[in-house]
Amino acid sequence: MKFTFGKEEKLKSKKQIERLFIEGKVIKEFPIRMKFLKIEDNDFPIKVAFSVPKRNFKLAVHRNRIKRMLRETYRLNKHILFENDKNKYVIMFIYMDKSEWNYDDLESKMISVLNKFIKKH
């Protein structure tokens, strides 16, 4: 498996994002909240997006740094999802804390949230 995060893996469709927030289920592992929805019409098995609320981090520099770290932790650990589940999903990772975590702690939380997802489904 390639450890890439290409254009086809990114969740960009406004309709799918809207549907995800209306019908999606949640798994929490502080500071990461994973919202997911099983979907049939995806061209790629798992489409992912990342979000950091503006009310927690006023400066875009800090929001973008956290999103970059979240994308990197997902990119290196997405094999957990692809090896264990063959269904199609849209997923949104939302960062909930008001302070910035270091990369190692964030990666361990990402792994635990992905493992919780696999156990549930």
Protein backbone atom coordinates (compact mmCIF):
# COMPACT_ATOMS: atom_id res chain seq x y z
CA MET A 1 0.00 0.00 0.00
CA LYS A 2 1.21 3.47 -0.89
CA PHE A 3 1.48 6.01 1.91
CA THR A 4 0.08 8.86 -0.18
CA PHE A 5 -2.87 11.19 0.25
CA GLY A 6 -3.93 12.06 -3.27
CA LYS A 7 -6.63 14.21 -4.76
CA GLU A 8 -9.05 11.28 -5.18
CA GLU A 9 -8.96 10.58 -1.41
CA LYS A 10 -10.01 14.08 -0.35
CA LEU A 11 -13.62 14.76 0.55
CA LYS A 12 -14.65 17.91 -1.32
CA SER A 13 -18.29 17.40 -2.29
CA LYS A 14 -20.56 19.83 -0.44
CA LYS A 15 -23.48 17.41 -0.78
CA GLN A 16 -21.53 14.57 0.80
CA ILE A 17 -20.22 16.80 3.61
CA GLU A 18 -23.75 18.05 4.32
CA ARG A 19 -25.08 14.50 4.36
CA LEU A 20 -22.19 13.43 6.61
CA PHE A 21 -23.10 16.06 9.23
CA ILE A 22 -26.81 15.21 9.09
CA GLU A 23 -26.69 11.41 9.05
CA GLY A 24 -23.15 10.60 10.21
CA LYS A 25 -22.09 8.78 13.37
CA VAL A 26 -19.34 9.92 15.74
CA ILE A 27 -16.33 8.30 17.41
CA LYS A 28 -14.39 10.42 19.89
CA GLU A 29 -10.86 10.11 21.18
CA PHE A 30 -9.95 13.49 22.62
CA PRO A 31 -8.81 15.73 20.90
CA ILE A 32 -10.00 14.04 17.68
CA ARG A 33 -13.64 13.58 16.75
CA MET A 34 -14.26 11.30 13.78
CA LYS A 35 -17.56 11.72 11.97
CA PHE A 36 -18.25 9.01 9.40
CA LEU A 37 -20.97 7.82 7.06
CA LYS A 38 -21.20 4.65 4.99
CA ILE A 39 -21.90 5.60 1.41
CA GLU A 40 -22.43 3.73 -1.85
CA ASP A 41 -21.63 6.19 -4.64
CA ASN A 42 -17.94 6.90 -3.92
CA ASP A 43 -15.37 6.37 -6.64
CA PHE A 44 -12.68 5.89 -3.98
CA PRO A 45 -13.24 3.59 -0.94
CA ILE A 46 -12.61 6.19 1.77
CA LYS A 47 -12.80 9.96 1.31
CA VAL A 48 -11.47 12.09 4.14
CA ALA A 49 -11.55 15.74 5.24
CA PHE A 50 -10.01 17.56 8.20
CA SER A 51 -11.35 20.48 10.20
CA VAL A 52 -10.10 22.76 12.97
CA PRO A 53 -12.73 25.18 14.32
CA LYS A 54 -12.01 28.87 13.95
CA ARG A 55 -13.43 29.60 17.40
CA ASN A 56 -10.64 27.50 19.00
CA PHE A 57 -7.78 28.87 16.88
CA LYS A 58 -8.25 32.41 15.61
CA LEU A 59 -5.12 32.49 13.45
CA ALA A 60 -5.20 30.51 10.20
CA VAL A 61 -1.51 29.68 10.67
CA HIS A 62 -2.31 27.57 13.74
CA ARG A 63 -5.39 25.93 12.16
CA ASN A 64 -3.40 24.98 9.07
CA ARG A 65 -0.54 23.55 11.13
CA ILE A 66 -2.93 21.29 13.06
CA LYS A 67 -4.65 20.19 9.84
CA ARG A 68 -1.25 19.38 8.33
CA MET A 69 -0.38 17.23 11.35
CA LEU A 70 -3.78 15.48 11.22
CA ARG A 71 -3.36 14.75 7.50
CA GLU A 72 0.12 13.35 8.10
CA THR A 73 -0.98 11.11 10.96
CA TYR A 74 -3.86 9.83 8.82
CA ARG A 75 -1.65 9.31 5.77
CA LEU A 76 0.80 7.15 7.69
CA ASN A 77 -1.88 5.09 9.47
CA LYS A 78 -4.69 4.79 6.92
CA HIS A 79 -3.60 1.22 6.20
CA ILE A 80 -5.52 0.30 9.39
CA LEU A 81 -8.77 1.21 7.62
CA PHE A 82 -7.95 -0.23 4.21
CA GLU A 83 -6.77 -3.61 5.52
CA ASN A 84 -9.78 -4.22 7.76
CA ASP A 85 -12.79 -2.76 5.97
CA LYS A 86 -13.92 -3.04 2.35
CA ASN A 87 -16.92 -0.69 2.58
CA LYS A 88 -17.03 2.86 1.25
CA TYR A 89 -17.07 5.76 3.72
CA VAL A 90 -16.82 9.51 3.92
CA ILE A 91 -14.98 10.67 7.04
CA MET A 92 -14.35 14.03 8.70
CA PHE A 93 -11.71 14.42 11.40
CA ILE A 94 -12.40 17.39 13.68
CA TYR A 95 -9.83 18.71 16.16
CA MET A 96 -11.61 19.65 19.41
CA ASP A 97 -8.97 20.96 21.83
CA LYS A 98 -8.19 24.64 22.34
CA SER A 99 -4.44 24.03 22.59
CA GLU A 100 -2.04 22.52 20.08
CA TRP A 101 -0.81 18.96 20.71
CA ASN A 102 2.57 17.64 19.66
CA TYR A 103 2.80 15.26 16.72
CA ASP A 104 3.53 12.04 18.66
CA ASP A 105 0.52 12.41 20.97
CA LEU A 106 -1.71 13.31 18.03
CA GLU A 107 -0.54 10.24 16.11
CA SER A 108 -1.31 7.90 19.03
CA LYS A 109 -4.81 9.41 19.29
CA MET A 110 -5.34 9.00 15.53
CA ILE A 111 -4.35 5.32 15.75
CA SER A 112 -6.71 4.73 18.66
CA VAL A 113 -9.62 6.46 16.88
CA LEU A 114 -9.03 4.36 13.75
CA ASN A 115 -8.90 1.19 15.85
CA LYS A 116 -12.16 2.15 17.59
CA PHE A 117 -13.73 2.61 14.17
CA ILE A 118 -12.56 -0.85 13.04
CA LYS A 119 -13.95 -2.47 16.23
CA LYS A 120 -17.34 -0.78 15.70
CA HIS A 121 -17.62 -1.76 12.04
